[in-house]
């Protein structure tokens, strides 16, 4: 998405992750897990935006749509079967 709008899963719901953490230093990172059906995202790139709250107050935001380190690529995979003799996409099942 180049829109900056939230990405929707295959059921039309916004995709988001939530992770509570207690920082041990001024710099660091935390992993956030996202669970969703991404079938509708095949062939697309999305950028993860971050918001950090302290006691329900927004204290930091990272929303750079061009940040490559925040991008996820969803490959588009396709398979196809073709009969060697006829060249068509319908094949007769054989014993082997």
C-alpha atoms as a PDB file:
ATOM      1  CA  UNK A   1       0.000   0.000   0.000  1.00  0.00           C
ATOM      2  CA  UNK A   2       1.275   3.452  -0.865  1.00  0.00           C
ATOM      3  CA  UNK A   3      -1.676   5.042   0.881  1.00  0.00           C
ATOM      4  CA  UNK A   4      -0.585   4.882   4.502  1.00  0.00           C
ATOM      5  CA  UNK A   5      -3.972   3.372   5.328  1.00  0.00           C
ATOM      6  CA  UNK A   6      -4.253   0.224   7.472  1.00  0.00           C
ATOM      7  CA  UNK A   7      -3.906  -3.073   5.626  1.00  0.00           C
ATOM      8  CA  UNK A   8      -6.916  -5.377   5.785  1.00  0.00           C
ATOM      9  CA  UNK A   9      -6.842  -9.156   6.041  1.00  0.00           C
ATOM     10  CA  UNK A  10      -8.914 -11.490   3.850  1.00  0.00           C
ATOM     11  CA  UNK A  11     -11.936 -10.885   6.130  1.00  0.00           C
ATOM     12  CA  UNK A  12     -11.686  -7.077   5.843  1.00  0.00           C
ATOM     13  CA  UNK A  13     -10.298  -6.559   9.358  1.00  0.00           C
ATOM     14  CA  UNK A  14      -7.371  -4.231  10.141  1.00  0.00           C
ATOM     15  CA  UNK A  15      -4.094  -6.074  10.697  1.00  0.00           C
ATOM     16  CA  UNK A  16      -2.300  -5.052  13.864  1.00  0.00           C
ATOM     17  CA  UNK A  17      -0.018  -6.438  16.539  1.00  0.00           C
ATOM     18  CA  UNK A  18       0.304  -5.537  20.177  1.00  0.00           C
ATOM     19  CA  UNK A  19       3.303  -6.139  22.409  1.00  0.00           C
ATOM     20  CA  UNK A  20       3.780  -4.924  25.968  1.00  0.00           C
ATOM     21  CA  UNK A  21       7.386  -4.485  27.047  1.00  0.00           C
ATOM     22  CA  UNK A  22       9.590  -2.863  29.653  1.00  0.00           C
ATOM     23  CA  UNK A  23      12.683  -1.269  28.066  1.00  0.00           C
ATOM     24  CA  UNK A  24      15.989  -2.063  29.757  1.00  0.00           C
ATOM     25  CA  UNK A  25      17.980   0.629  27.907  1.00  0.00           C
ATOM     26  CA  UNK A  26      17.283   3.793  25.896  1.00  0.00           C
ATOM     27  CA  UNK A  27      17.874   1.846  22.654  1.00  0.00           C
ATOM     28  CA  UNK A  28      16.616  -1.584  21.788  1.00  0.00           C
ATOM     29  CA  UNK A  29      13.954  -3.516  19.983  1.00  0.00           C
ATOM     30  CA  UNK A  30      11.008  -5.767  20.621  1.00  0.00           C
ATOM     31  CA  UNK A  31       9.433  -8.380  18.360  1.00  0.00           C
ATOM     32  CA  UNK A  32       5.745  -8.059  17.519  1.00  0.00           C
ATOM     33  CA  UNK A  33       3.850 -11.042  16.165  1.00  0.00           C
ATOM     34  CA  UNK A  34       1.079 -10.649  13.579  1.00  0.00           C
ATOM     35  CA  UNK A  35      -1.375 -13.497  12.931  1.00  0.00           C
ATOM     36  CA  UNK A  36      -3.648 -13.134   9.899  1.00  0.00           C
ATOM     37  CA  UNK A  37      -4.669 -14.666   6.582  1.00  0.00           C
ATOM     38  CA  UNK A  38      -2.540 -12.832   4.023  1.00  0.00           C
ATOM     39  CA  UNK A  39      -3.933 -14.413   0.840  1.00  0.00           C
ATOM     40  CA  UNK A  40      -5.162 -11.044  -0.425  1.00  0.00           C
ATOM     41  CA  UNK A  41      -1.663  -9.567  -0.023  1.00  0.00           C
ATOM     42  CA  UNK A  42       0.088 -11.853  -2.548  1.00  0.00           C
ATOM     43  CA  UNK A  43       2.596  -9.888  -4.633  1.00  0.00           C
ATOM     44  CA  UNK A  44       2.372  -6.812  -2.429  1.00  0.00           C
ATOM     45  CA  UNK A  45       4.665  -4.984  -0.023  1.00  0.00           C
ATOM     46  CA  UNK A  46       3.398  -3.513   3.219  1.00  0.00           C
ATOM     47  CA  UNK A  47       5.119  -1.250   5.733  1.00  0.00           C
ATOM     48  CA  UNK A  48       4.606  -1.712   9.455  1.00  0.00           C
ATOM     49  CA  UNK A  49       3.878   1.479  11.393  1.00  0.00           C
ATOM     50  CA  UNK A  50       4.559   1.737  15.115  1.00  0.00           C
ATOM     51  CA  UNK A  51       2.991   3.625  17.973  1.00  0.00           C
ATOM     52  CA  UNK A  52       4.387   3.458  21.505  1.00  0.00           C
ATOM     53  CA  UNK A  53       2.239   4.218  24.535  1.00  0.00           C
ATOM     54  CA  UNK A  54       3.119   4.790  28.185  1.00  0.00           C
ATOM     55  CA  UNK A  55       0.158   4.533  30.533  1.00  0.00           C
ATOM     56  CA  UNK A  56      -2.202   4.954  27.553  1.00  0.00           C
ATOM     57  CA  UNK A  57      -0.458   8.169  26.407  1.00  0.00           C
ATOM     58  CA  UNK A  58       1.066   8.127  22.912  1.00  0.00           C
ATOM     59  CA  UNK A  59       4.778   8.914  23.398  1.00  0.00           C
ATOM     60  CA  UNK A  60       6.429   7.817  20.108  1.00  0.00           C
ATOM     61  CA  UNK A  61       5.392   7.185  16.504  1.00  0.00           C
ATOM     62  CA  UNK A  62       7.230   5.628  13.559  1.00  0.00           C
ATOM     63  CA  UNK A  63       5.202   5.887  10.342  1.00  0.00           C
ATOM     64  CA  UNK A  64       7.692   6.067   7.464  1.00  0.00           C
ATOM     65  CA  UNK A  65       6.069   4.317   4.497  1.00  0.00           C
ATOM     66  CA  UNK A  66       9.454   4.219   2.683  1.00  0.00           C
ATOM     67  CA  UNK A  67      11.377   2.541   5.560  1.00  0.00           C
ATOM     68  CA  UNK A  68      12.694  -0.668   3.986  1.00  0.00           C
ATOM     69  CA  UNK A  69      13.550  -2.154   7.397  1.00  0.00           C
ATOM     70  CA  UNK A  70       9.822  -2.020   8.274  1.00  0.00           C
ATOM     71  CA  UNK A  71       8.586  -3.561   4.981  1.00  0.00           C
ATOM     72  CA  UNK A  72       7.225  -7.048   4.492  1.00  0.00           C
ATOM     73  CA  UNK A  73       6.959  -8.619   1.032  1.00  0.00           C
ATOM     74  CA  UNK A  74       4.267 -11.216   0.366  1.00  0.00           C
ATOM     75  CA  UNK A  75       5.365 -13.367  -2.576  1.00  0.00           C
ATOM     76  CA  UNK A  76       2.830 -14.444  -5.153  1.00  0.00           C
ATOM     77  CA  UNK A  77       3.066 -18.183  -5.741  1.00  0.00           C
ATOM     78  CA  UNK A  78       1.377 -20.096  -8.538  1.00  0.00           C
ATOM     79  CA  UNK A  79       1.486 -23.679  -9.689  1.00  0.00           C
ATOM     80  CA  UNK A  80       0.360 -25.233 -12.915  1.00  0.00           C
ATOM     81  CA  UNK A  81       0.111 -28.764 -14.291  1.00  0.00           C
ATOM     82  CA  UNK A  82       0.438 -29.515 -17.991  1.00  0.00           C
ATOM     83  CA  UNK A  83       0.257 -32.837 -19.787  1.00  0.00           C
ATOM     84  CA  UNK A  84       3.552 -33.657 -21.579  1.00  0.00           C
ATOM     85  CA  UNK A  85       1.820 -35.282 -24.555  1.00  0.00           C
ATOM     86  CA  UNK A  86      -1.151 -32.989 -25.169  1.00  0.00           C
ATOM     87  CA  UNK A  87       0.227 -29.731 -23.781  1.00  0.00           C
ATOM     88  CA  UNK A  88      -3.084 -28.934 -22.096  1.00  0.00           C
ATOM     89  CA  UNK A  89      -3.757 -28.337 -18.419  1.00  0.00           C
ATOM     90  CA  UNK A  90      -5.884 -31.447 -18.039  1.00  0.00           C
ATOM     91  CA  UNK A  91      -4.098 -34.729 -17.437  1.00  0.00           C
ATOM     92  CA  UNK A  92      -5.278 -38.242 -17.018  1.00  0.00           C
ATOM     93  CA  UNK A  93      -4.199 -39.907 -13.807  1.00  0.00           C
ATOM     94  CA  UNK A  94      -2.070 -42.945 -14.344  1.00  0.00           C
ATOM     95  CA  UNK A  95      -1.123 -45.908 -12.219  1.00  0.00           C
ATOM     96  CA  UNK A  96       2.312 -44.421 -11.376  1.00  0.00           C
END
